[in-house]
Amino acid sequence: MSDNWTAIAMVFVGLFLIGGVVSLLRQGLKIGAAVCGVGAAMALLAGVLWW
């Protein structure tokens, strides 16, 4: 496992935002889910690239 805590934090933020996407889709808020999905993708990509 990496010693880089920033990368680990970014991955957890991305996973948290994926949960937000699921929640917003269940509520029928597609635009909010799309915005949250973009944020999740950016956070996960940043975490992987930072690793």
Protein backbone atom coordinates (compact mmCIF):
# COMPACT_ATOMS: atom_id res chain seq x y z
CA MET A 1 0.00 0.00 0.00
CA SER A 2 1.14 3.47 -0.78
CA ASP A 3 2.43 5.80 1.86
CA ASN A 4 0.77 8.71 0.08
CA TRP A 5 -2.23 9.67 2.21
CA THR A 6 -3.49 12.22 -0.31
CA ALA A 7 -4.03 9.52 -2.93
CA ILE A 8 -5.85 7.33 -0.42
CA ALA A 9 -8.04 10.26 0.63
CA MET A 10 -8.92 11.04 -3.00
CA VAL A 11 -10.00 7.46 -3.62
CA PHE A 12 -12.23 7.52 -0.54
CA VAL A 13 -13.73 10.86 -1.63
CA GLY A 14 -14.45 9.31 -5.03
CA LEU A 15 -16.16 6.32 -3.43
CA PHE A 16 -18.20 8.65 -1.22
CA LEU A 17 -19.32 10.58 -4.29
CA ILE A 18 -20.33 7.35 -6.03
CA GLY A 19 -22.66 6.76 -3.10
CA GLY A 20 -24.05 10.23 -3.72
CA VAL A 21 -24.67 9.33 -7.36
CA VAL A 22 -26.67 6.27 -6.33
CA SER A 23 -28.66 8.29 -3.81
CA LEU A 24 -29.44 11.07 -6.29
CA LEU A 25 -30.50 8.59 -8.96
CA ARG A 26 -32.92 6.95 -6.53
CA GLN A 27 -34.43 10.37 -5.84
CA GLY A 28 -34.80 11.05 -9.57
CA LEU A 29 -32.32 13.94 -9.65
CA LYS A 30 -30.45 13.06 -12.85
CA ILE A 31 -28.62 16.37 -13.28
CA GLY A 32 -27.31 16.27 -9.71
CA ALA A 33 -26.26 12.66 -10.20
CA ALA A 34 -24.40 13.59 -13.38
CA VAL A 35 -22.54 16.43 -11.63
CA CYS A 36 -21.71 14.18 -8.68
CA GLY A 37 -20.59 11.46 -11.11
CA VAL A 38 -18.17 13.82 -12.82
CA GLY A 39 -16.74 14.76 -9.43
CA ALA A 40 -16.44 11.11 -8.48
CA ALA A 41 -14.63 10.29 -11.71
CA MET A 42 -12.21 13.18 -11.23
CA ALA A 43 -11.51 12.25 -7.61
CA LEU A 44 -10.88 8.59 -8.45
CA LEU A 45 -8.68 9.51 -11.39
CA ALA A 46 -6.71 11.94 -9.23
CA GLY A 47 -6.24 9.28 -6.57
CA VAL A 48 -5.03 6.70 -9.08
CA LEU A 49 -2.69 9.11 -10.84
CA TRP A 50 -1.34 10.42 -7.52
CA TRP A 51 -0.55 6.89 -6.38
